[in-house]
Amino acid sequence: MLRKLLVPAFLLAIVVTVMTLEGWTAPLIAVVRNRLVGHQVPLGPGALSPATGDSADAVPADGRVRIDGHEALALGLATAVVEPLEEPIPLELTGTTAYDPDSMTRIRPRFDTLVREVFVRLGQEVEQGEPLVELYSAALAEAKTNAQTARVEWDYRRGIRDKRAPLAESGAISQQLWAETQDQELSARLADMIARDKLLIYGVTEEQIDRPDREGGADKARMTMTCPTDGVVIARNVVPGNLYGPEDELLAIAPLDHLWVWADVYERDLPVIRIGLDWEVRFPFLDEAVKGRVEYIADEVDPSSRAVRIRGVLPNPDRRFKADMLVRTVIAIPPGAGRVAIPREAMISIDGGDFAFVRVGTAPETFERHPIRVERETADRVILEGGLEAGAVVATRGVLLLEERFEDLRLSAGQPAAR
């Protein structure tokens, strides 16, 4: 049994020794490497031909990597042309929708009060002037009583002033009495104005203040708050029978014909963002997109996300979109002068540096490794701000093996590794 195992092993050792002496191993290893990295390259004629003194394993004097046709086939080598960038660069950002606070109305009582009844429900459409809640407040009743008292006092003092005016002109009364009469009328008028203004602040209308049929008894404590604008009830925090104060928000009403869209821009992308740029708001769960533009850029960086918030307006005439929906915004960034694009697989990053292999000759295929300056990466392309010219040809598939060959050749030439 042992003899049967030793004979094949001995024969395999002889084959490997002969291949090494004849120079067959380098092409074979290249093919195996390509198989391991996923390139399914068939073995063409001569793919495993012995290496000669002019093969790619020879040390290049100029630092270039040279590959003959058979080896290029074994490596699965492919190339692409560096293209000038003319169309806008898409910048994708994450964001959310929100209500427009500038058009939102928050309903609060202007005095301590008991809420007796609520006339609207959450999500209900309301119109201007429609009743919202009924209040019952001792503070309101006191303010109305004070206003009535002040008006009666002013009417009385004004009547006395009118009667004494001709007497003062004829000298029938002293100037001191006439001056006191005028002062008393003025004080009463100011007290009436203060009491009236307080009712206006409380939300009582001019018509309600001036109507002749004065309220009596407990009716003075009642007031119905009406809707100041058209919209939809987006928040209801009021329960009948509870006490509330000026700091409590009872209802929130907003017109939903439009929403705000907020998106986060990180500091590296901030220099290319400006007000007026076109963007497209995409709703991933609705499979829908709406065009708009950037209308606001925040002046501070969020300390937690390290992002700057930008905002636009989203038309919503049929109320299909809701607040707090997740969206993706795509901003069209105009390309800078001299920008070019290469396929993403053409770039190789090593120890913080970015490189591409540029073809500088054919027969054999000859490549130079060039450093590149990356401005932005997309899903399938890399935007460069320097390092390559439009029209150059770069390697795409087989780049990692070119890099390994490049480093091997440098070491063979006694040069330090470039990594």
Protein backbone atom coordinates (compact mmCIF):
# COMPACT_ATOMS: atom_id res chain seq x y z
CA MET A 1 0.00 0.00 0.00
CA LEU A 2 2.80 2.41 0.89
CA ARG A 3 4.54 1.65 -2.41
CA LYS A 4 1.37 2.57 -4.35
CA LEU A 5 1.32 6.02 -2.67
CA LEU A 6 5.04 6.75 -3.07
CA VAL A 7 5.17 6.13 -6.83
CA PRO A 8 2.64 8.91 -7.82
CA ALA A 9 4.27 11.35 -5.38
CA PHE A 10 7.70 10.64 -6.86
CA LEU A 11 6.42 11.17 -10.41
CA LEU A 12 4.70 14.48 -9.41
CA ALA A 13 7.95 15.76 -7.90
CA ILE A 14 9.80 14.98 -11.15
CA VAL A 15 7.16 16.88 -13.21
CA VAL A 16 7.34 19.97 -10.97
CA THR A 17 11.15 19.97 -11.11
CA VAL A 18 11.15 19.79 -14.92
CA MET A 19 8.57 22.60 -15.21
CA THR A 20 10.61 24.80 -12.90
CA LEU A 21 13.78 24.24 -14.90
CA GLU A 22 11.97 24.94 -18.18
CA GLY A 23 10.25 28.13 -16.90
CA TRP A 24 6.65 26.86 -17.01
CA THR A 25 5.69 27.71 -13.43
CA ALA A 26 5.16 31.52 -13.70
CA PRO A 27 2.35 31.37 -16.30
CA LEU A 28 0.77 28.46 -14.45
CA ILE A 29 0.74 30.42 -11.18
CA ALA A 30 -0.83 33.43 -12.97
CA VAL A 31 -3.63 31.23 -14.27
CA VAL A 32 -4.22 29.75 -10.82
CA ARG A 33 -4.35 33.25 -9.31
CA ASN A 34 -6.97 34.34 -11.79
CA ARG A 35 -9.02 31.25 -11.02
CA LEU A 36 -8.86 32.10 -7.32
CA VAL A 37 -10.01 35.73 -7.77
CA GLY A 38 -12.94 34.71 -9.92
CA HIS A 39 -11.76 35.31 -13.52
CA GLN A 40 -12.91 32.30 -15.55
CA VAL A 41 -10.33 32.52 -18.33
CA PRO A 42 -9.91 29.56 -20.70
CA LEU A 43 -6.40 28.40 -21.40
CA GLY A 44 -5.56 29.54 -24.92
CA PRO A 45 -2.76 28.25 -27.08
CA GLY A 46 0.58 28.97 -25.50
CA ALA A 47 -0.94 30.22 -22.24
CA LEU A 48 1.49 28.04 -20.36
CA SER A 49 4.44 28.54 -22.66
CA PRO A 50 7.84 28.75 -21.00
CA ALA A 51 8.97 32.21 -19.90
CA THR A 52 11.90 33.70 -21.75
CA GLY A 53 14.34 36.41 -20.92
CA ASP A 54 11.95 39.01 -22.45
CA SER A 55 8.91 37.90 -20.46
CA ALA A 56 7.03 40.00 -17.88
CA ASP A 57 9.16 38.51 -15.11
CA ALA A 58 12.13 40.40 -16.45
CA VAL A 59 13.03 43.47 -14.42
CA PRO A 60 11.80 46.61 -16.28
CA ALA A 61 14.27 49.46 -16.34
CA ASP A 62 11.45 52.05 -16.52
CA GLY A 63 9.11 50.64 -13.83
CA ARG A 64 6.48 49.59 -16.36
CA VAL A 65 4.56 46.32 -16.36
CA ARG A 66 4.63 44.49 -19.70
CA ILE A 67 2.24 41.65 -20.50
CA ASP A 68 2.07 39.64 -23.72
CA GLY A 69 -1.18 38.58 -25.34
CA HIS A 70 -1.33 35.11 -23.81
CA GLU A 71 -0.66 36.45 -20.34
CA ALA A 72 -3.28 39.19 -20.76
CA LEU A 73 -5.79 36.48 -21.60
CA ALA A 74 -4.76 34.49 -18.55
CA LEU A 75 -5.10 37.56 -16.33
CA GLY A 76 -8.55 38.36 -17.72
CA LEU A 77 -7.28 41.85 -18.52
CA ALA A 78 -9.80 44.49 -19.63
CA THR A 79 -9.47 48.23 -20.23
CA ALA A 80 -11.63 51.36 -20.43
CA VAL A 81 -11.18 54.89 -21.75
CA VAL A 82 -10.97 57.81 -19.31
CA GLU A 83 -14.00 59.99 -20.09
CA PRO A 84 -14.33 63.76 -19.64
CA LEU A 85 -17.05 64.60 -17.14
CA GLU A 86 -19.72 66.79 -18.71
CA GLU A 87 -23.01 65.81 -17.07
CA PRO A 88 -23.86 66.83 -13.46
CA ILE A 89 -22.58 64.61 -10.67
CA PRO A 90 -25.39 63.02 -8.59
CA LEU A 91 -24.96 63.48 -4.83
CA GLU A 92 -27.28 61.20 -2.85
CA LEU A 93 -28.36 62.26 0.63
CA THR A 94 -30.73 60.84 3.22
CA GLY A 95 -33.51 62.96 4.66
CA THR A 96 -37.02 63.23 6.06
CA THR A 97 -40.17 65.22 5.41
CA ALA A 98 -41.59 67.64 7.99
CA TYR A 99 -44.37 70.14 8.52
CA ASP A 100 -43.64 73.73 7.59
CA PRO A 101 -43.48 75.50 10.98
CA ASP A 102 -43.94 78.89 9.30
CA SER A 103 -47.46 77.87 8.25
CA MET A 104 -48.33 75.89 11.38
CA THR A 105 -50.80 77.37 13.89
CA ARG A 106 -50.59 76.29 17.53
CA ILE A 107 -53.77 76.85 19.53
CA ARG A 108 -53.19 77.87 23.16
CA PRO A 109 -55.49 79.53 25.70
CA ARG A 110 -54.39 83.01 26.71
CA PHE A 111 -55.51 82.63 30.31
CA ASP A 112 -56.07 79.88 32.88
CA THR A 113 -59.22 78.05 31.88
CA LEU A 114 -61.33 74.93 32.01
CA VAL A 115 -61.99 73.26 28.64
CA ARG A 116 -65.66 72.30 28.53
CA GLU A 117 -65.91 70.91 24.99
CA VAL A 118 -63.72 70.07 21.97
CA PHE A 119 -65.36 70.33 18.54
CA VAL A 120 -62.64 68.83 16.29
CA ARG A 121 -60.76 65.54 16.06
CA LEU A 122 -57.24 64.62 15.00
CA GLY A 123 -56.78 64.67 11.22
CA GLN A 124 -59.93 66.70 10.58
CA GLU A 125 -59.90 69.41 7.92
CA VAL A 126 -60.98 72.76 9.35
CA GLU A 127 -61.78 76.15 7.87
CA GLN A 128 -61.16 79.64 9.14
CA GLY A 129 -63.79 80.65 11.70
CA GLU A 130 -64.82 77.08 12.54
CA PRO A 131 -65.27 76.46 16.32
CA LEU A 132 -62.47 74.48 17.96
CA VAL A 133 -62.90 74.41 21.76
CA GLU A 134 -65.19 75.97 24.36
CA LEU A 135 -63.49 77.55 27.38
CA TYR A 136 -64.83 78.44 30.82
CA SER A 137 -62.63 80.82 32.81
CA ALA A 138 -62.98 82.99 35.90
CA ALA A 139 -60.13 85.16 34.61
CA LEU A 140 -62.10 85.85 31.42
CA ALA A 141 -65.24 86.72 33.38
CA GLU A 142 -63.28 89.14 35.56
CA ALA A 143 -61.72 90.81 32.50
CA LYS A 144 -65.14 91.29 30.89
CA THR A 145 -66.58 92.76 34.10
CA ASN A 146 -63.66 95.16 34.43
CA ALA A 147 -64.13 96.24 30.82
CA GLN A 148 -67.82 96.95 31.42
CA THR A 149 -67.04 98.92 34.57
CA ALA A 150 -64.35 100.94 32.81
CA ARG A 151 -66.71 101.78 29.94
CA VAL A 152 -69.45 102.97 32.35
CA GLU A 153 -66.95 105.12 34.24
CA TRP A 154 -65.65 106.67 31.05
CA ASP A 155 -69.17 107.43 29.79
CA TYR A 156 -69.92 109.14 33.10
CA ARG A 157 -66.73 111.24 33.13
CA ARG A 158 -67.16 112.15 29.49
CA GLY A 159 -70.71 113.38 30.17
CA ILE A 160 -69.53 115.62 33.00
CA ARG A 161 -66.76 117.02 30.80
CA ASP A 162 -69.23 117.83 28.03
CA LYS A 163 -71.56 119.66 30.48
CA ARG A 164 -68.79 121.72 32.07
CA ALA A 165 -67.11 122.71 28.80
CA PRO A 166 -69.47 125.72 28.08
CA LEU A 167 -69.34 126.75 31.75
CA ALA A 168 -65.56 126.86 31.60
CA GLU A 169 -65.71 129.02 28.45
CA SER A 170 -68.07 131.53 30.11
CA GLY A 171 -66.07 131.63 33.35
CA ALA A 172 -68.90 130.17 35.41
CA ILE A 173 -66.54 127.59 36.92
CA SER A 174 -62.96 127.91 37.98
CA GLN A 175 -60.10 126.83 35.78
CA GLN A 176 -58.97 124.42 38.51
CA LEU A 177 -62.31 122.57 38.45
CA TRP A 178 -62.22 122.43 34.66
CA ALA A 179 -58.70 120.99 34.69
CA GLU A 180 -59.72 118.33 37.23
CA THR A 181 -62.73 117.43 35.07
CA GLN A 182 -60.52 116.94 32.02
CA ASP A 183 -58.01 114.84 33.97
CA GLN A 184 -60.75 112.58 35.33
CA GLU A 185 -62.18 112.05 31.84
CA LEU A 186 -58.73 111.23 30.45
CA SER A 187 -58.01 108.74 33.25
CA ALA A 188 -61.36 107.02 32.68
CA ARG A 189 -60.68 106.83 28.93
CA LEU A 190 -57.25 105.24 29.49
CA ALA A 191 -58.74 102.70 31.93
CA ASP A 192 -61.35 101.79 29.32
CA MET A 193 -58.65 101.32 26.66
CA ILE A 194 -56.59 99.08 28.96
CA ALA A 195 -59.59 96.90 29.83
CA ARG A 196 -60.57 96.67 26.16
CA ASP A 197 -57.02 95.75 25.07
CA LYS A 198 -56.90 92.98 27.68
CA LEU A 199 -60.03 91.41 26.17
CA LEU A 200 -58.49 91.64 22.71
CA ILE A 201 -55.37 89.89 24.03
CA TYR A 202 -57.58 87.18 25.50
CA GLY A 203 -59.03 86.58 22.05
CA VAL A 204 -62.36 88.38 22.38
CA THR A 205 -63.21 90.05 19.07
CA GLU A 206 -64.06 93.74 18.54
CA GLU A 207 -67.58 92.76 17.60
CA GLN A 208 -68.06 90.78 20.81
CA ILE A 209 -66.75 93.69 22.89
CA ASP A 210 -68.94 96.30 21.21
CA ARG A 211 -72.18 94.36 20.92
CA PRO A 212 -75.01 95.97 22.89
CA ASP A 213 -76.38 92.80 24.49
CA ARG A 214 -73.97 92.39 27.35
CA GLU A 215 -73.42 88.94 28.77
CA GLY A 216 -74.55 88.33 32.29
CA GLY A 217 -73.72 85.92 35.06
CA ALA A 218 -71.81 82.77 34.16
CA ASP A 219 -71.98 83.54 30.44
CA LYS A 220 -69.11 85.99 30.91
CA ALA A 221 -66.81 83.05 31.69
CA ARG A 222 -67.54 81.29 28.39
CA MET A 223 -65.62 81.73 25.16
CA THR A 224 -65.44 79.62 21.99
CA MET A 225 -62.04 79.58 20.31
CA THR A 226 -62.36 79.53 16.51
CA CYS A 227 -59.92 78.39 13.84
CA PRO A 228 -57.69 81.25 12.61
CA THR A 229 -56.80 79.56 9.28
CA ASP A 230 -57.67 76.73 6.93
CA GLY A 231 -55.80 73.48 7.47
CA VAL A 232 -55.73 70.06 9.08
CA VAL A 233 -55.61 69.23 12.78
CA ILE A 234 -52.20 67.54 13.09
CA ALA A 235 -52.06 67.46 16.91
CA ARG A 236 -54.72 67.34 19.63
CA ASN A 237 -53.52 67.53 23.22
CA VAL A 238 -56.74 68.65 24.91
CA VAL A 239 -59.30 66.66 26.90
CA PRO A 240 -62.64 68.15 27.99
CA GLY A 241 -62.91 68.75 31.72
CA ASN A 242 -59.22 69.53 32.29
CA LEU A 243 -57.60 72.80 33.30
CA TYR A 244 -55.06 74.43 30.97
CA GLY A 245 -52.89 77.52 30.96
CA PRO A 246 -51.18 79.78 28.40
CA GLU A 247 -48.17 77.43 28.26
CA ASP A 248 -50.31 74.45 27.13
CA GLU A 249 -50.78 73.65 23.44
CA LEU A 250 -54.33 72.43 22.85
CA LEU A 251 -54.27 71.91 19.08
CA ALA A 252 -51.92 72.29 16.13
CA ILE A 253 -53.24 73.10 12.67
CA ALA A 254 -51.22 73.11 9.45
CA PRO A 255 -52.02 73.36 5.75
CA LEU A 256 -50.73 70.17 4.12
CA ASP A 257 -50.52 71.52 0.57
CA HIS A 258 -46.75 71.44 0.99
CA LEU A 259 -44.10 69.94 3.29
CA TRP A 260 -40.50 70.65 4.08
CA VAL A 261 -37.73 68.21 3.16
CA TRP A 262 -34.62 68.11 5.34
CA ALA A 263 -31.42 66.37 4.21
CA ASP A 264 -27.99 65.93 5.82
CA VAL A 265 -24.84 67.06 4.01
CA TYR A 266 -21.50 65.97 5.44
CA GLU A 267 -18.63 68.42 5.70
CA ARG A 268 -16.66 66.96 2.80
CA ASP A 269 -19.58 67.62 0.40
CA LEU A 270 -20.50 71.04 1.78
CA PRO A 271 -18.29 73.12 -0.60
CA VAL A 272 -20.34 72.04 -3.64
CA ILE A 273 -23.76 72.77 -2.07
CA ARG A 274 -25.41 76.12 -2.70
CA ILE A 275 -28.92 77.55 -2.61
CA GLY A 276 -30.80 77.08 -5.88
CA LEU A 277 -29.32 73.69 -6.85
CA ASP A 278 -31.85 71.32 -8.39
CA TRP A 279 -32.61 68.16 -6.49
CA GLU A 280 -34.92 65.18 -6.78
CA VAL A 281 -36.76 63.83 -3.75
CA ARG A 282 -37.23 60.07 -3.95
CA PHE A 283 -39.65 58.06 -1.83
CA PRO A 284 -38.26 54.50 -1.72
CA PHE A 285 -41.47 53.00 -0.36
CA LEU A 286 -43.72 54.83 -2.84
CA ASP A 287 -41.53 54.38 -5.93
CA GLU A 288 -42.02 58.05 -6.71
CA ALA A 289 -39.79 61.09 -7.22
CA VAL A 290 -40.53 64.84 -7.08
CA LYS A 291 -38.27 67.58 -8.41
CA GLY A 292 -37.40 70.65 -6.38
CA ARG A 293 -34.47 72.80 -5.33
CA VAL A 294 -32.34 73.64 -2.30
CA GLU A 295 -33.79 76.69 -0.52
CA TYR A 296 -31.88 76.83 2.77
CA ILE A 297 -28.49 75.77 4.15
CA ALA A 298 -28.01 75.72 7.92
CA ASP A 299 -25.22 77.80 9.45
CA GLU A 300 -24.09 75.18 11.96
CA VAL A 301 -22.85 71.59 11.96
CA ASP A 302 -24.84 69.10 14.00
CA PRO A 303 -22.42 68.01 16.76
CA SER A 304 -23.76 64.44 16.84
CA SER A 305 -23.99 63.64 13.12
CA ARG A 306 -21.28 66.07 11.92
CA ALA A 307 -23.64 67.04 9.11
CA VAL A 308 -25.17 70.30 7.93
CA ARG A 309 -28.91 70.33 7.30
CA ILE A 310 -30.32 71.65 4.04
CA ARG A 311 -33.97 72.19 3.20
CA GLY A 312 -36.37 72.41 0.29
CA VAL A 313 -40.14 72.57 -0.24
CA LEU A 314 -42.15 69.57 -1.40
CA PRO A 315 -45.49 70.30 -3.15
CA ASN A 316 -48.26 68.13 -1.70
CA PRO A 317 -51.56 69.22 -3.28
CA ASP A 318 -53.35 65.89 -2.81
CA ARG A 319 -51.80 65.16 0.63
CA ARG A 320 -50.23 61.88 -0.50
CA PHE A 321 -46.99 62.62 1.32
CA LYS A 322 -46.84 62.59 5.10
CA ALA A 323 -44.54 64.22 7.62
CA ASP A 324 -41.57 62.19 8.93
CA MET A 325 -41.34 60.02 5.81
CA LEU A 326 -37.85 58.75 4.93
CA VAL A 327 -36.59 60.06 1.59
CA ARG A 328 -33.45 60.08 -0.52
CA THR A 329 -32.53 63.32 -2.19
CA VAL A 330 -30.33 63.43 -5.28
CA ILE A 331 -28.65 66.78 -5.95
CA ALA A 332 -27.23 67.51 -9.40
CA ILE A 333 -23.73 68.94 -8.80
CA PRO A 334 -22.24 70.76 -11.82
CA PRO A 335 -18.87 69.17 -12.74
CA GLY A 336 -15.71 71.16 -12.15
CA ALA A 337 -13.30 72.07 -14.92
CA GLY A 338 -11.00 69.25 -15.99
CA ARG A 339 -12.88 66.54 -14.13
CA VAL A 340 -12.75 63.01 -15.62
CA ALA A 341 -14.37 59.70 -14.72
CA ILE A 342 -13.09 56.13 -14.65
CA PRO A 343 -14.86 52.86 -13.82
CA ARG A 344 -14.82 52.10 -10.13
CA GLU A 345 -12.93 48.83 -10.64
CA ALA A 346 -10.06 50.72 -12.32
CA MET A 347 -9.02 52.31 -9.01
CA ILE A 348 -6.80 50.55 -6.51
CA SER A 349 -6.20 51.96 -3.02
CA ILE A 350 -3.04 51.07 -1.12
CA ASP A 351 -2.01 52.49 2.26
CA GLY A 352 -4.04 55.67 1.87
CA GLY A 353 -3.07 56.28 -1.77
CA ASP A 354 -5.24 55.85 -4.87
CA PHE A 355 -3.80 54.59 -8.18
CA ALA A 356 -4.77 53.46 -11.67
CA PHE A 357 -2.82 51.48 -14.27
CA VAL A 358 -2.60 53.45 -17.53
CA ARG A 359 -1.77 51.73 -20.81
CA VAL A 360 1.24 53.36 -22.44
CA GLY A 361 1.96 50.82 -25.16
CA THR A 362 0.81 47.68 -26.96
CA ALA A 363 2.48 44.51 -28.25
CA PRO A 364 3.21 43.77 -25.52
CA GLU A 365 0.57 45.47 -23.38
CA THR A 366 2.46 47.99 -21.23
CA PHE A 367 1.03 49.73 -18.16
CA GLU A 368 2.24 52.43 -15.78
CA ARG A 369 0.84 52.92 -12.31
CA HIS A 370 -0.34 56.53 -11.89
CA PRO A 371 -1.43 58.21 -8.64
CA ILE A 372 -4.89 59.77 -8.94
CA ARG A 373 -6.78 62.43 -6.95
CA VAL A 374 -10.31 61.30 -6.19
CA GLU A 375 -13.02 63.92 -5.77
CA ARG A 376 -16.05 61.68 -5.40
CA GLU A 377 -17.12 58.05 -5.74
CA THR A 378 -20.48 56.87 -7.06
CA ALA A 379 -21.93 53.39 -7.35
CA ASP A 380 -20.10 52.61 -10.61
CA ARG A 381 -17.68 55.48 -11.26
CA VAL A 382 -14.87 57.43 -9.65
CA ILE A 383 -14.71 61.18 -10.31
CA LEU A 384 -11.13 62.46 -10.51
CA GLU A 385 -9.90 66.00 -10.05
CA GLY A 386 -6.39 65.15 -11.20
CA GLY A 387 -3.92 62.43 -12.15
CA LEU A 388 -5.36 61.33 -15.51
CA GLU A 389 -6.24 63.00 -18.78
CA ALA A 390 -9.38 62.35 -20.81
CA GLY A 391 -8.76 59.77 -23.54
CA ALA A 392 -6.22 57.73 -21.60
CA VAL A 393 -6.80 53.97 -21.37
CA VAL A 394 -6.83 52.34 -17.92
CA ALA A 395 -6.97 48.72 -16.83
CA THR A 396 -10.20 47.62 -15.17
CA ARG A 397 -10.22 43.85 -14.69
CA GLY A 398 -6.97 42.31 -13.51
CA VAL A 399 -5.88 45.46 -11.66
CA LEU A 400 -4.98 43.63 -8.45
CA LEU A 401 -2.78 41.19 -10.35
CA LEU A 402 -1.12 44.09 -12.18
CA GLU A 403 -0.40 45.68 -8.82
CA GLU A 404 1.11 42.45 -7.52
CA ARG A 405 3.23 42.10 -10.66
CA PHE A 406 4.31 45.74 -10.31
CA GLU A 407 5.50 45.20 -6.74
CA ASP A 408 7.23 41.92 -7.64
CA LEU A 409 9.15 43.62 -10.43
CA ARG A 410 10.25 46.46 -8.17
CA LEU A 411 11.54 44.00 -5.61
CA SER A 412 13.28 41.98 -8.32
CA ALA A 413 15.02 45.15 -9.47
CA GLY A 414 16.23 45.80 -5.94
CA GLN A 415 13.89 48.77 -5.46
CA PRO A 416 11.84 49.29 -2.27
CA ALA A 417 8.18 48.39 -2.39
CA ALA A 418 5.96 51.30 -3.38
CA ARG A 419 3.21 50.41 -0.94
